[in-house]
Amino acid sequence: MALQDDQQPIERLSLADAAMRRLRDEIVRGRLAPGEVLTEIALAGRLGVGRGTVRTALFALEADELVVRAPYSNWRVAGLDDQVIWEIYTLREAMEGLAARILAERDEPQAKELLAVAFARLAPAEQGSIDDRVAADLGFHRAIVDATGHRHLIKRYGALSTKMEWLYRWSEMHWPARFPLEADHRALFDGVTSASPDEAERAVRAHIDPSLAADLDGYRAMVAGRGAAPDTATGKNDRQ
């Protein structure tokens, strides 16, 4: 029997896939903190699955750079420091800058329509939950990349997207300093949809650089408030 328009096919996930998604959500939403030690036994009990399933999930998350292996078969959530923040933003800027240049060179109505739809979601999300803000904000940036149709760029940007969301949510919890969504993205939208390739690429840089500066300032203020810089491998302060 055919599915009705409002019905979606059931997504079949292996236990390892389900465990990986659960752990990824725990990390991205900050319930497992940067640098936190992860043991297969504890995670198996937490998720209600076997250690082999947990290990498979952890290897998948290692590929996404959300967890790292530590000595003696332990795992840790990836560390977060100003170097990591800088790397996420600069890689994002390079990818989105390339996407903006491609879109400006092509000047295709279909791509502009896709971006207009994504941009229109920003204002309603402004007064919504953090989930609404994250989805609208990162969704607009993702639309810039998706609209290019550049498969390799889209794939590699997708791999970065989880870390972008991780940083976004972590900063909202610890040093909230976000800008009004629609107003903050207006110049970027205009630059990508109606400017020259050089101007479109500059619009990406002009948009991302202040967010990078705000997150670096916020992170450093958080560290200063704790009295010591955390070790990126362990997530612990140098002075206890």
C-alpha atoms as a PDB file:
ATOM      1  CA  MET A   1       0.000   0.000   0.000  1.00  0.00           C
ATOM      2  CA  ALA A   2       1.374   3.385  -0.974  1.00  0.00           C
ATOM      3  CA  LEU A   3       2.185   5.911   1.716  1.00  0.00           C
ATOM      4  CA  GLN A   4      -0.064   8.920   2.073  1.00  0.00           C
ATOM      5  CA  ASP A   5       1.405  12.389   1.538  1.00  0.00           C
ATOM      6  CA  ASP A   6       1.690  13.024   5.281  1.00  0.00           C
ATOM      7  CA  GLN A   7       3.350   9.680   6.028  1.00  0.00           C
ATOM      8  CA  GLN A   8       7.085   9.108   6.110  1.00  0.00           C
ATOM      9  CA  PRO A   9       8.846   5.781   5.657  1.00  0.00           C
ATOM     10  CA  ILE A  10      10.223   4.307   8.867  1.00  0.00           C
ATOM     11  CA  GLU A  11      13.960   4.810   9.132  1.00  0.00           C
ATOM     12  CA  ARG A  12      15.712   1.552   9.932  1.00  0.00           C
ATOM     13  CA  LEU A  13      18.741   2.011  12.145  1.00  0.00           C
ATOM     14  CA  SER A  14      21.171  -0.578  13.420  1.00  0.00           C
ATOM     15  CA  LEU A  15      21.868  -0.563  17.148  1.00  0.00           C
ATOM     16  CA  ALA A  16      25.258   0.980  16.440  1.00  0.00           C
ATOM     17  CA  ASP A  17      23.695   3.752  14.351  1.00  0.00           C
ATOM     18  CA  ALA A  18      21.124   4.447  17.047  1.00  0.00           C
ATOM     19  CA  ALA A  19      23.838   4.481  19.725  1.00  0.00           C
ATOM     20  CA  MET A  20      25.995   6.780  17.630  1.00  0.00           C
ATOM     21  CA  ARG A  21      23.148   9.251  17.133  1.00  0.00           C
ATOM     22  CA  ARG A  22      22.315   9.201  20.836  1.00  0.00           C
ATOM     23  CA  LEU A  23      25.933   9.830  21.835  1.00  0.00           C
ATOM     24  CA  ARG A  24      26.347  12.516  19.202  1.00  0.00           C
ATOM     25  CA  ASP A  25      23.264  14.268  20.560  1.00  0.00           C
ATOM     26  CA  GLU A  26      24.603  14.001  24.125  1.00  0.00           C
ATOM     27  CA  ILE A  27      27.880  15.612  23.053  1.00  0.00           C
ATOM     28  CA  VAL A  28      26.419  18.296  20.786  1.00  0.00           C
ATOM     29  CA  ARG A  29      23.894  19.339  23.442  1.00  0.00           C
ATOM     30  CA  GLY A  30      26.578  19.536  26.123  1.00  0.00           C
ATOM     31  CA  ARG A  31      25.325  16.690  28.293  1.00  0.00           C
ATOM     32  CA  LEU A  32      28.743  15.118  27.791  1.00  0.00           C
ATOM     33  CA  ALA A  33      31.268  17.911  28.273  1.00  0.00           C
ATOM     34  CA  PRO A  34      34.426  18.558  26.242  1.00  0.00           C
ATOM     35  CA  GLY A  35      37.258  16.449  27.612  1.00  0.00           C
ATOM     36  CA  GLU A  36      34.942  14.159  29.589  1.00  0.00           C
ATOM     37  CA  VAL A  37      36.190  10.576  29.954  1.00  0.00           C
ATOM     38  CA  LEU A  38      34.011   7.963  28.263  1.00  0.00           C
ATOM     39  CA  THR A  39      34.206   4.289  29.145  1.00  0.00           C
ATOM     40  CA  GLU A  40      32.605   1.582  27.075  1.00  0.00           C
ATOM     41  CA  ILE A  41      31.184  -0.137  30.162  1.00  0.00           C
ATOM     42  CA  ALA A  42      29.516   3.023  31.473  1.00  0.00           C
ATOM     43  CA  LEU A  43      28.169   3.956  28.048  1.00  0.00           C
ATOM     44  CA  ALA A  44      26.846   0.439  27.474  1.00  0.00           C
ATOM     45  CA  GLY A  45      24.860   0.712  30.695  1.00  0.00           C
ATOM     46  CA  ARG A  46      23.700   4.229  29.886  1.00  0.00           C
ATOM     47  CA  LEU A  47      22.470   3.246  26.421  1.00  0.00           C
ATOM     48  CA  GLY A  48      21.311  -0.284  27.192  1.00  0.00           C
ATOM     49  CA  VAL A  49      23.479  -1.888  24.508  1.00  0.00           C
ATOM     50  CA  GLY A  50      26.564  -4.087  24.409  1.00  0.00           C
ATOM     51  CA  ARG A  51      30.155  -2.850  24.552  1.00  0.00           C
ATOM     52  CA  GLY A  52      30.742  -3.865  20.940  1.00  0.00           C
ATOM     53  CA  THR A  53      27.878  -1.632  19.836  1.00  0.00           C
ATOM     54  CA  VAL A  54      29.262   1.238  21.902  1.00  0.00           C
ATOM     55  CA  ARG A  55      32.728   0.727  20.436  1.00  0.00           C
ATOM     56  CA  THR A  56      31.365   0.860  16.884  1.00  0.00           C
ATOM     57  CA  ALA A  57      29.485   4.077  17.719  1.00  0.00           C
ATOM     58  CA  LEU A  58      32.597   5.631  19.238  1.00  0.00           C
ATOM     59  CA  PHE A  59      34.684   4.864  16.163  1.00  0.00           C
ATOM     60  CA  ALA A  60      32.027   6.602  14.044  1.00  0.00           C
ATOM     61  CA  LEU A  61      32.117   9.650  16.314  1.00  0.00           C
ATOM     62  CA  GLU A  62      35.912   9.642  16.196  1.00  0.00           C
ATOM     63  CA  ALA A  63      35.648  10.034  12.416  1.00  0.00           C
ATOM     64  CA  ASP A  64      33.480  13.115  13.063  1.00  0.00           C
ATOM     65  CA  GLU A  65      36.147  14.385  15.517  1.00  0.00           C
ATOM     66  CA  LEU A  66      33.676  14.517  18.380  1.00  0.00           C
ATOM     67  CA  VAL A  67      35.558  11.930  20.448  1.00  0.00           C
ATOM     68  CA  VAL A  68      39.216  10.956  20.710  1.00  0.00           C
ATOM     69  CA  ARG A  69      40.875   7.774  21.875  1.00  0.00           C
ATOM     70  CA  ALA A  70      42.962   7.982  25.012  1.00  0.00           C
ATOM     71  CA  PRO A  71      45.539   5.526  26.444  1.00  0.00           C
ATOM     72  CA  TYR A  72      44.386   2.287  28.071  1.00  0.00           C
ATOM     73  CA  SER A  73      41.343   1.925  25.800  1.00  0.00           C
ATOM     74  CA  ASN A  74      39.538   4.942  27.218  1.00  0.00           C
ATOM     75  CA  TRP A  75      37.804   7.578  25.161  1.00  0.00           C
ATOM     76  CA  ARG A  76      37.192  11.254  25.741  1.00  0.00           C
ATOM     77  CA  VAL A  77      34.858  13.836  24.296  1.00  0.00           C
ATOM     78  CA  ALA A  78      36.935  16.079  22.041  1.00  0.00           C
ATOM     79  CA  GLY A  79      38.518  19.029  23.807  1.00  0.00           C
ATOM     80  CA  LEU A  80      37.437  22.610  23.217  1.00  0.00           C
ATOM     81  CA  ASP A  81      39.815  25.561  23.369  1.00  0.00           C
ATOM     82  CA  ASP A  82      40.520  28.745  21.434  1.00  0.00           C
ATOM     83  CA  GLN A  83      42.541  26.846  18.822  1.00  0.00           C
ATOM     84  CA  VAL A  84      39.623  24.505  18.128  1.00  0.00           C
ATOM     85  CA  ILE A  85      37.211  27.448  17.938  1.00  0.00           C
ATOM     86  CA  TRP A  86      39.518  29.235  15.484  1.00  0.00           C
ATOM     87  CA  GLU A  87      39.883  26.116  13.331  1.00  0.00           C
ATOM     88  CA  ILE A  88      36.121  25.506  13.121  1.00  0.00           C
ATOM     89  CA  TYR A  89      35.399  29.094  12.120  1.00  0.00           C
ATOM     90  CA  THR A  90      38.215  29.489   9.609  1.00  0.00           C
ATOM     91  CA  LEU A  91      37.367  26.226   7.868  1.00  0.00           C
ATOM     92  CA  ARG A  92      33.717  27.235   7.819  1.00  0.00           C
ATOM     93  CA  GLU A  93      34.636  30.622   6.382  1.00  0.00           C
ATOM     94  CA  ALA A  94      36.672  29.029   3.601  1.00  0.00           C
ATOM     95  CA  MET A  95      33.899  26.621   2.624  1.00  0.00           C
ATOM     96  CA  GLU A  96      31.087  29.168   2.769  1.00  0.00           C
ATOM     97  CA  GLY A  97      33.235  31.728   0.976  1.00  0.00           C
ATOM     98  CA  LEU A  98      33.750  29.301  -1.893  1.00  0.00           C
ATOM     99  CA  ALA A  99      30.025  28.534  -1.947  1.00  0.00           C
ATOM    100  CA  ALA A 100      29.139  32.247  -2.026  1.00  0.00           C
ATOM    101  CA  ARG A 101      31.544  32.823  -4.910  1.00  0.00           C
ATOM    102  CA  ILE A 102      30.044  29.936  -6.883  1.00  0.00           C
ATOM    103  CA  LEU A 103      26.495  31.208  -6.355  1.00  0.00           C
ATOM    104  CA  ALA A 104      27.400  34.763  -7.336  1.00  0.00           C
ATOM    105  CA  GLU A 105      29.138  33.559 -10.490  1.00  0.00           C
ATOM    106  CA  ARG A 106      26.148  31.473 -11.558  1.00  0.00           C
ATOM    107  CA  ASP A 107      23.426  33.938 -10.501  1.00  0.00           C
ATOM    108  CA  GLU A 108      20.698  31.283 -10.743  1.00  0.00           C
ATOM    109  CA  PRO A 109      17.094  32.135  -9.741  1.00  0.00           C
ATOM    110  CA  GLN A 110      16.541  28.684  -8.232  1.00  0.00           C
ATOM    111  CA  ALA A 111      19.473  29.113  -5.854  1.00  0.00           C
ATOM    112  CA  LYS A 112      18.246  32.573  -4.835  1.00  0.00           C
ATOM    113  CA  GLU A 113      14.817  31.143  -4.093  1.00  0.00           C
ATOM    114  CA  LEU A 114      16.337  28.442  -1.889  1.00  0.00           C
ATOM    115  CA  LEU A 115      18.285  31.057   0.052  1.00  0.00           C
ATOM    116  CA  ALA A 116      15.234  33.311   0.356  1.00  0.00           C
ATOM    117  CA  VAL A 117      13.256  30.482   1.943  1.00  0.00           C
ATOM    118  CA  ALA A 118      16.074  29.775   4.411  1.00  0.00           C
ATOM    119  CA  PHE A 119      16.475  33.484   5.191  1.00  0.00           C
ATOM    120  CA  ALA A 120      12.738  33.837   5.875  1.00  0.00           C
ATOM    121  CA  ARG A 121      13.053  31.274   8.696  1.00  0.00           C
ATOM    122  CA  LEU A 122      15.415  33.481  10.680  1.00  0.00           C
ATOM    123  CA  ALA A 123      12.987  36.110  11.984  1.00  0.00           C
ATOM    124  CA  PRO A 124      10.378  33.637  13.361  1.00  0.00           C
ATOM    125  CA  ALA A 125      13.162  31.700  15.090  1.00  0.00           C
ATOM    126  CA  GLU A 126      14.457  34.789  16.890  1.00  0.00           C
ATOM    127  CA  GLN A 127      12.024  34.481  19.799  1.00  0.00           C
ATOM    128  CA  GLY A 128      11.975  30.706  19.743  1.00  0.00           C
ATOM    129  CA  SER A 129      13.934  28.086  21.634  1.00  0.00           C
ATOM    130  CA  ILE A 130      17.633  27.436  21.250  1.00  0.00           C
ATOM    131  CA  ASP A 131      16.674  24.543  18.967  1.00  0.00           C
ATOM    132  CA  ASP A 132      14.744  26.964  16.757  1.00  0.00           C
ATOM    133  CA  ARG A 133      17.668  29.389  16.626  1.00  0.00           C
ATOM    134  CA  VAL A 134      20.227  26.715  15.867  1.00  0.00           C
ATOM    135  CA  ALA A 135      18.104  25.163  13.136  1.00  0.00           C
ATOM    136  CA  ALA A 136      17.358  28.493  11.438  1.00  0.00           C
ATOM    137  CA  ASP A 137      20.853  29.972  11.779  1.00  0.00           C
ATOM    138  CA  LEU A 138      22.878  26.952  10.714  1.00  0.00           C
ATOM    139  CA  GLY A 139      20.158  26.029   8.223  1.00  0.00           C
ATOM    140  CA  PHE A 140      20.660  29.315   6.380  1.00  0.00           C
ATOM    141  CA  HIS A 141      24.399  28.768   6.185  1.00  0.00           C
ATOM    142  CA  ARG A 142      23.868  25.200   5.064  1.00  0.00           C
ATOM    143  CA  ALA A 143      21.523  26.463   2.324  1.00  0.00           C
ATOM    144  CA  ILE A 144      24.340  28.602   0.910  1.00  0.00           C
ATOM    145  CA  VAL A 145      26.454  25.490   0.459  1.00  0.00           C
ATOM    146  CA  ASP A 146      23.626  23.201  -0.672  1.00  0.00           C
ATOM    147  CA  ALA A 147      22.503  25.685  -3.332  1.00  0.00           C
ATOM    148  CA  THR A 148      25.828  25.277  -5.151  1.00  0.00           C
ATOM    149  CA  GLY A 149      25.149  21.622  -5.998  1.00  0.00           C
ATOM    150  CA  HIS A 150      28.895  21.063  -5.431  1.00  0.00           C
ATOM    151  CA  ARG A 151      28.817  17.492  -4.122  1.00  0.00           C
ATOM    152  CA  HIS A 152      32.309  17.343  -2.620  1.00  0.00           C
ATOM    153  CA  LEU A 153      31.866  20.710  -0.918  1.00  0.00           C
ATOM    154  CA  ILE A 154      28.444  19.710   0.420  1.00  0.00           C
ATOM    155  CA  LYS A 155      29.835  16.439   1.815  1.00  0.00           C
ATOM    156  CA  ARG A 156      32.787  18.062   3.546  1.00  0.00           C
ATOM    157  CA  TYR A 157      30.678  20.902   4.900  1.00  0.00           C
ATOM    158  CA  GLY A 158      28.278  18.312   6.277  1.00  0.00           C
ATOM    159  CA  ALA A 159      31.138  16.715   8.193  1.00  0.00           C
ATOM    160  CA  LEU A 160      31.917  20.109   9.754  1.00  0.00           C
ATOM    161  CA  SER A 161      28.287  20.930  10.542  1.00  0.00           C
ATOM    162  CA  THR A 162      28.103  18.751  13.648  1.00  0.00           C
ATOM    163  CA  LYS A 163      31.092  20.512  15.193  1.00  0.00           C
ATOM    164  CA  MET A 164      29.577  23.866  14.273  1.00  0.00           C
ATOM    165  CA  GLU A 165      26.382  22.932  16.119  1.00  0.00           C
ATOM    166  CA  TRP A 166      28.424  21.618  19.060  1.00  0.00           C
ATOM    167  CA  LEU A 167      30.262  24.932  19.375  1.00  0.00           C
ATOM    168  CA  TYR A 168      27.058  26.941  18.856  1.00  0.00           C
ATOM    169  CA  ARG A 169      25.208  25.152  21.651  1.00  0.00           C
ATOM    170  CA  TRP A 170      28.192  25.155  23.996  1.00  0.00           C
ATOM    171  CA  SER A 171      28.673  28.891  23.566  1.00  0.00           C
ATOM    172  CA  GLU A 172      24.959  29.536  24.158  1.00  0.00           C
ATOM    173  CA  MET A 173      25.249  27.668  27.455  1.00  0.00           C
ATOM    174  CA  HIS A 174      28.464  29.285  28.673  1.00  0.00           C
ATOM    175  CA  TRP A 175      28.948  32.687  27.015  1.00  0.00           C
ATOM    176  CA  PRO A 176      25.776  33.660  25.153  1.00  0.00           C
ATOM    177  CA  ALA A 177      26.547  36.574  22.835  1.00  0.00           C
ATOM    178  CA  ARG A 178      24.542  35.903  19.705  1.00  0.00           C
ATOM    179  CA  PHE A 179      23.362  38.597  17.323  1.00  0.00           C
ATOM    180  CA  PRO A 180      19.771  39.193  16.107  1.00  0.00           C
ATOM    181  CA  LEU A 181      19.286  36.517  13.493  1.00  0.00           C
ATOM    182  CA  GLU A 182      17.576  38.345  10.636  1.00  0.00           C
ATOM    183  CA  ALA A 183      19.493  41.614  10.975  1.00  0.00           C
ATOM    184  CA  ASP A 184      22.788  39.836  11.386  1.00  0.00           C
ATOM    185  CA  HIS A 185      22.283  37.762   8.226  1.00  0.00           C
ATOM    186  CA  ARG A 186      20.823  40.488   5.995  1.00  0.00           C
ATOM    187  CA  ALA A 187      24.147  41.698   4.555  1.00  0.00           C
ATOM    188  CA  LEU A 188      25.235  38.112   3.979  1.00  0.00           C
ATOM    189  CA  PHE A 189      21.991  37.292   2.171  1.00  0.00           C
ATOM    190  CA  ASP A 190      22.273  40.404   0.006  1.00  0.00           C
ATOM    191  CA  GLY A 191      25.927  39.719  -0.736  1.00  0.00           C
ATOM    192  CA  VAL A 192      25.382  36.148  -1.819  1.00  0.00           C
ATOM    193  CA  THR A 193      22.272  36.831  -3.899  1.00  0.00           C
ATOM    194  CA  SER A 194      23.049  40.142  -5.576  1.00  0.00           C
ATOM    195  CA  ALA A 195      26.757  40.966  -5.400  1.00  0.00           C
ATOM    196  CA  SER A 196      29.817  40.137  -7.466  1.00  0.00           C
ATOM    197  CA  PRO A 197      31.777  36.950  -6.648  1.00  0.00           C
ATOM    198  CA  ASP A 198      34.446  38.939  -4.786  1.00  0.00           C
ATOM    199  CA  GLU A 199      31.834  40.879  -2.824  1.00  0.00           C
ATOM    200  CA  ALA A 200      29.910  37.709  -2.017  1.00  0.00           C
ATOM    201  CA  GLU A 201      33.028  36.075  -0.626  1.00  0.00           C
ATOM    202  CA  ARG A 202      33.817  39.195   1.406  1.00  0.00           C
ATOM    203  CA  ALA A 203      30.275  39.166   2.777  1.00  0.00           C
ATOM    204  CA  VAL A 204      30.906  35.713   4.208  1.00  0.00           C
ATOM    205  CA  ARG A 205      34.092  36.909   5.866  1.00  0.00           C
ATOM    206  CA  ALA A 206      32.410  40.032   7.228  1.00  0.00           C
ATOM    207  CA  HIS A 207      29.656  37.881   8.713  1.00  0.00           C
ATOM    208  CA  ILE A 208      31.784  35.143  10.245  1.00  0.00           C
ATOM    209  CA  ASP A 209      34.695  37.159  11.657  1.00  0.00           C
ATOM    210  CA  PRO A 210      32.623  38.938  14.362  1.00  0.00           C
ATOM    211  CA  SER A 211      31.171  35.599  15.504  1.00  0.00           C
ATOM    212  CA  LEU A 212      34.656  34.133  15.723  1.00  0.00           C
ATOM    213  CA  ALA A 213      35.821  37.119  17.777  1.00  0.00           C
ATOM    214  CA  ALA A 214      32.769  36.901  20.064  1.00  0.00           C
ATOM    215  CA  ASP A 215      33.254  33.188  20.715  1.00  0.00           C
ATOM    216  CA  LEU A 216      36.986  33.580  21.355  1.00  0.00           C
ATOM    217  CA  ASP A 217      36.281  36.416  23.788  1.00  0.00           C
ATOM    218  CA  GLY A 218      33.533  34.409  25.458  1.00  0.00           C
ATOM    219  CA  TYR A 219      35.665  31.314  25.805  1.00  0.00           C
ATOM    220  CA  ARG A 220      38.607  33.249  27.217  1.00  0.00           C
ATOM    221  CA  ALA A 221      36.363  35.054  29.686  1.00  0.00           C
ATOM    222  CA  MET A 222      34.947  31.708  30.814  1.00  0.00           C
ATOM    223  CA  VAL A 223      38.452  30.322  31.306  1.00  0.00           C
ATOM    224  CA  ALA A 224      39.545  33.452  33.173  1.00  0.00           C
ATOM    225  CA  GLY A 225      36.534  33.111  35.435  1.00  0.00           C
ATOM    226  CA  ARG A 226      37.587  29.594  36.331  1.00  0.00           C
ATOM    227  CA  GLY A 227      41.096  30.786  37.145  1.00  0.00           C
ATOM    228  CA  ALA A 228      43.062  28.574  34.755  1.00  0.00           C
ATOM    229  CA  ALA A 229      43.166  27.354  31.189  1.00  0.00           C
ATOM    230  CA  PRO A 230      41.685  23.886  30.708  1.00  0.00           C
ATOM    231  CA  ASP A 231      43.863  21.112  29.319  1.00  0.00           C
ATOM    232  CA  THR A 232      42.420  20.372  25.873  1.00  0.00           C
ATOM    233  CA  ALA A 233      43.093  16.672  26.230  1.00  0.00           C
ATOM    234  CA  THR A 234      41.401  16.266  29.600  1.00  0.00           C
ATOM    235  CA  GLY A 235      39.069  19.238  29.867  1.00  0.00           C
ATOM    236  CA  LYS A 236      40.465  19.871  33.399  1.00  0.00           C
ATOM    237  CA  ASN A 237      41.944  23.051  34.750  1.00  0.00           C
ATOM    238  CA  ASP A 238      45.709  23.282  35.278  1.00  0.00           C
ATOM    239  CA  ARG A 239      45.098  24.385  38.874  1.00  0.00           C
ATOM    240  CA  GLN A 240      42.692  22.389  40.991  1.00  0.00           C
END
